Amino acid sequence: MMLPDFLKKENRKQLNELDQRLYEAVNRYNEYFKDDGLITEGSSLSREEWIDYIDTCLRENITIWELFGENYDEELDY
Protein backbone atom coordinates (compact mmCIF):
# COMPACT_ATOMS: atom_id res chain seq x y z
CA MET A 1 0.00 0.00 0.00
CA MET A 2 1.37 3.39 -0.98
CA LEU A 3 1.20 6.13 1.63
CA PRO A 4 1.67 9.79 0.83
CA ASP A 5 4.85 11.23 2.34
CA PHE A 6 2.99 13.31 4.94
CA LEU A 7 1.44 10.14 6.42
CA LYS A 8 4.70 8.23 6.76
CA LYS A 9 5.89 7.77 10.32
CA GLU A 10 9.34 9.19 9.64
CA ASN A 11 7.78 12.44 8.38
CA ARG A 12 5.54 13.08 11.37
CA LYS A 13 6.15 16.26 13.27
CA GLN A 14 7.16 15.99 16.90
CA LEU A 15 4.62 17.35 19.36
CA ASN A 16 5.58 20.64 20.97
CA GLU A 17 5.57 20.87 24.77
CA LEU A 18 2.00 22.16 25.05
CA ASP A 19 0.61 19.53 22.67
CA GLN A 20 2.49 16.83 24.60
CA ARG A 21 1.05 18.07 27.91
CA LEU A 22 -2.49 18.04 26.45
CA TYR A 23 -1.95 14.55 25.00
CA GLU A 24 -0.82 13.28 28.41
CA ALA A 25 -3.69 15.03 30.23
CA VAL A 26 -6.28 13.51 27.88
CA ASN A 27 -4.73 10.07 28.38
CA ARG A 28 -4.83 10.48 32.19
CA TYR A 29 -8.48 11.55 32.00
CA ASN A 30 -9.45 8.64 29.75
CA GLU A 31 -7.65 6.18 32.00
CA TYR A 32 -9.32 7.58 35.15
CA PHE A 33 -12.82 7.96 33.67
CA LYS A 34 -12.97 4.86 31.49
CA ASP A 35 -16.71 5.13 30.79
CA ASP A 36 -16.73 8.84 29.96
CA GLY A 37 -15.65 10.17 26.60
CA LEU A 38 -13.57 13.31 26.39
CA ILE A 39 -14.06 15.28 23.18
CA THR A 40 -11.60 18.13 22.65
CA GLU A 41 -12.04 18.65 18.90
CA GLY A 42 -13.92 21.67 17.70
CA SER A 43 -13.62 23.43 21.04
CA SER A 44 -13.29 27.13 21.75
CA LEU A 45 -11.07 26.29 24.73
CA SER A 46 -7.33 26.70 24.43
CA ARG A 47 -5.03 23.74 25.00
CA GLU A 48 -3.89 25.30 28.28
CA GLU A 49 -7.53 25.64 29.43
CA TRP A 50 -8.18 21.99 28.56
CA ILE A 51 -5.19 20.91 30.62
CA ASP A 52 -6.39 23.00 33.60
CA TYR A 53 -9.95 21.63 33.35
CA ILE A 54 -8.73 18.04 33.06
CA ASP A 55 -6.47 18.50 36.10
CA THR A 56 -9.44 19.92 38.03
CA CYS A 57 -11.60 16.94 37.08
CA LEU A 58 -8.99 14.45 38.24
CA ARG A 59 -8.30 16.35 41.46
CA GLU A 60 -12.02 16.70 42.34
CA ASN A 61 -13.11 13.30 40.94
CA ILE A 62 -15.73 14.79 38.60
CA THR A 63 -16.22 14.33 34.87
CA ILE A 64 -15.74 17.16 32.42
CA TRP A 65 -19.51 17.19 31.90
CA GLU A 66 -20.10 17.65 35.63
CA LEU A 67 -17.51 20.43 35.71
CA PHE A 68 -19.22 22.21 32.81
CA GLY A 69 -22.68 21.57 34.30
CA GLU A 70 -23.78 19.57 31.27
CA ASN A 71 -25.57 16.47 32.45
CA TYR A 72 -27.64 14.01 30.46
CA ASP A 73 -31.29 15.03 30.36
CA GLU A 74 -33.74 12.19 29.76
CA GLU A 75 -36.40 14.65 28.59
CA LEU A 76 -34.31 15.95 25.69
CA ASP A 77 -34.34 14.37 22.26
CA TYR A 78 -30.64 14.01 21.45
C-alpha atoms as a PDB file:
ATOM      1  CA  MET A   1       0.000   0.000   0.000  1.00  0.00           C
ATOM      2  CA  MET A   2       1.374   3.393  -0.978  1.00  0.00           C
ATOM      3  CA  LEU A   3       1.201   6.132   1.633  1.00  0.00           C
ATOM      4  CA  PRO A   4       1.674   9.786   0.829  1.00  0.00           C
ATOM      5  CA  ASP A   5       4.848  11.228   2.340  1.00  0.00           C
ATOM      6  CA  PHE A   6       2.995  13.312   4.943  1.00  0.00           C
ATOM      7  CA  LEU A   7       1.444  10.141   6.424  1.00  0.00           C
ATOM      8  CA  LYS A   8       4.702   8.228   6.762  1.00  0.00           C
ATOM      9  CA  LYS A   9       5.893   7.767  10.324  1.00  0.00           C
ATOM     10  CA  GLU A  10       9.340   9.193   9.640  1.00  0.00           C
ATOM     11  CA  ASN A  11       7.782  12.440   8.379  1.00  0.00           C
ATOM     12  CA  ARG A  12       5.539  13.075  11.373  1.00  0.00           C
ATOM     13  CA  LYS A  13       6.146  16.265  13.266  1.00  0.00           C
ATOM     14  CA  GLN A  14       7.162  15.993  16.898  1.00  0.00           C
ATOM     15  CA  LEU A  15       4.622  17.353  19.356  1.00  0.00           C
ATOM     16  CA  ASN A  16       5.580  20.640  20.966  1.00  0.00           C
ATOM     17  CA  GLU A  17       5.570  20.867  24.770  1.00  0.00           C
ATOM     18  CA  LEU A  18       1.997  22.163  25.047  1.00  0.00           C
ATOM     19  CA  ASP A  19       0.613  19.534  22.666  1.00  0.00           C
ATOM     20  CA  GLN A  20       2.488  16.834  24.596  1.00  0.00           C
ATOM     21  CA  ARG A  21       1.046  18.074  27.910  1.00  0.00           C
ATOM     22  CA  LEU A  22      -2.486  18.036  26.449  1.00  0.00           C
ATOM     23  CA  TYR A  23      -1.946  14.553  25.005  1.00  0.00           C
ATOM     24  CA  GLU A  24      -0.816  13.276  28.413  1.00  0.00           C
ATOM     25  CA  ALA A  25      -3.688  15.027  30.234  1.00  0.00           C
ATOM     26  CA  VAL A  26      -6.280  13.508  27.885  1.00  0.00           C
ATOM     27  CA  ASN A  27      -4.730  10.067  28.382  1.00  0.00           C
ATOM     28  CA  ARG A  28      -4.827  10.483  32.190  1.00  0.00           C
ATOM     29  CA  TYR A  29      -8.483  11.552  31.998  1.00  0.00           C
ATOM     30  CA  ASN A  30      -9.449   8.638  29.745  1.00  0.00           C
ATOM     31  CA  GLU A  31      -7.646   6.179  32.000  1.00  0.00           C
ATOM     32  CA  TYR A  32      -9.316   7.579  35.145  1.00  0.00           C
ATOM     33  CA  PHE A  33     -12.820   7.957  33.672  1.00  0.00           C
ATOM     34  CA  LYS A  34     -12.966   4.855  31.491  1.00  0.00           C
ATOM     35  CA  ASP A  35     -16.711   5.126  30.787  1.00  0.00           C
ATOM     36  CA  ASP A  36     -16.732   8.840  29.959  1.00  0.00           C
ATOM     37  CA  GLY A  37     -15.650  10.165  26.600  1.00  0.00           C
ATOM     38  CA  LEU A  38     -13.574  13.306  26.386  1.00  0.00           C
ATOM     39  CA  ILE A  39     -14.059  15.279  23.183  1.00  0.00           C
ATOM     40  CA  THR A  40     -11.603  18.129  22.654  1.00  0.00           C
ATOM     41  CA  GLU A  41     -12.041  18.645  18.902  1.00  0.00           C
ATOM     42  CA  GLY A  42     -13.919  21.670  17.704  1.00  0.00           C
ATOM     43  CA  SER A  43     -13.625  23.432  21.040  1.00  0.00           C
ATOM     44  CA  SER A  44     -13.289  27.126  21.749  1.00  0.00           C
ATOM     45  CA  LEU A  45     -11.071  26.293  24.734  1.00  0.00           C
ATOM     46  CA  SER A  46      -7.329  26.699  24.428  1.00  0.00           C
ATOM     47  CA  ARG A  47      -5.031  23.737  25.004  1.00  0.00           C
ATOM     48  CA  GLU A  48      -3.895  25.304  28.284  1.00  0.00           C
ATOM     49  CA  GLU A  49      -7.525  25.636  29.433  1.00  0.00           C
ATOM     50  CA  TRP A  50      -8.181  21.988  28.560  1.00  0.00           C
ATOM     51  CA  ILE A  51      -5.189  20.909  30.620  1.00  0.00           C
ATOM     52  CA  ASP A  52      -6.385  22.998  33.596  1.00  0.00           C
ATOM     53  CA  TYR A  53      -9.948  21.631  33.349  1.00  0.00           C
ATOM     54  CA  ILE A  54      -8.734  18.045  33.065  1.00  0.00           C
ATOM     55  CA  ASP A  55      -6.465  18.495  36.100  1.00  0.00           C
ATOM     56  CA  THR A  56      -9.438  19.923  38.035  1.00  0.00           C
ATOM     57  CA  CYS A  57     -11.596  16.936  37.079  1.00  0.00           C
ATOM     58  CA  LEU A  58      -8.989  14.453  38.238  1.00  0.00           C
ATOM     59  CA  ARG A  59      -8.301  16.353  41.460  1.00  0.00           C
ATOM     60  CA  GLU A  60     -12.019  16.697  42.336  1.00  0.00           C
ATOM     61  CA  ASN A  61     -13.112  13.303  40.937  1.00  0.00           C
ATOM     62  CA  ILE A  62     -15.730  14.790  38.602  1.00  0.00           C
ATOM     63  CA  THR A  63     -16.223  14.329  34.872  1.00  0.00           C
ATOM     64  CA  ILE A  64     -15.738  17.159  32.421  1.00  0.00           C
ATOM     65  CA  TRP A  65     -19.510  17.193  31.895  1.00  0.00           C
ATOM     66  CA  GLU A  66     -20.104  17.652  35.627  1.00  0.00           C
ATOM     67  CA  LEU A  67     -17.506  20.428  35.710  1.00  0.00           C
ATOM     68  CA  PHE A  68     -19.223  22.215  32.809  1.00  0.00           C
ATOM     69  CA  GLY A  69     -22.684  21.572  34.303  1.00  0.00           C
ATOM     70  CA  GLU A  70     -23.779  19.571  31.274  1.00  0.00           C
ATOM     71  CA  ASN A  71     -25.567  16.467  32.447  1.00  0.00           C
ATOM     72  CA  TYR A  72     -27.636  14.006  30.463  1.00  0.00           C
ATOM     73  CA  ASP A  73     -31.288  15.031  30.362  1.00  0.00           C
ATOM     74  CA  GLU A  74     -33.739  12.192  29.757  1.00  0.00           C
ATOM     75  CA  GLU A  75     -36.396  14.655  28.588  1.00  0.00           C
ATOM     76  CA  LEU A  76     -34.307  15.950  25.688  1.00  0.00           C
ATOM     77  CA  ASP A  77     -34.336  14.369  22.259  1.00  0.00           C
ATOM     78  CA  TYR A  78     -30.640  14.006  21.452  1.00  0.00           C
END
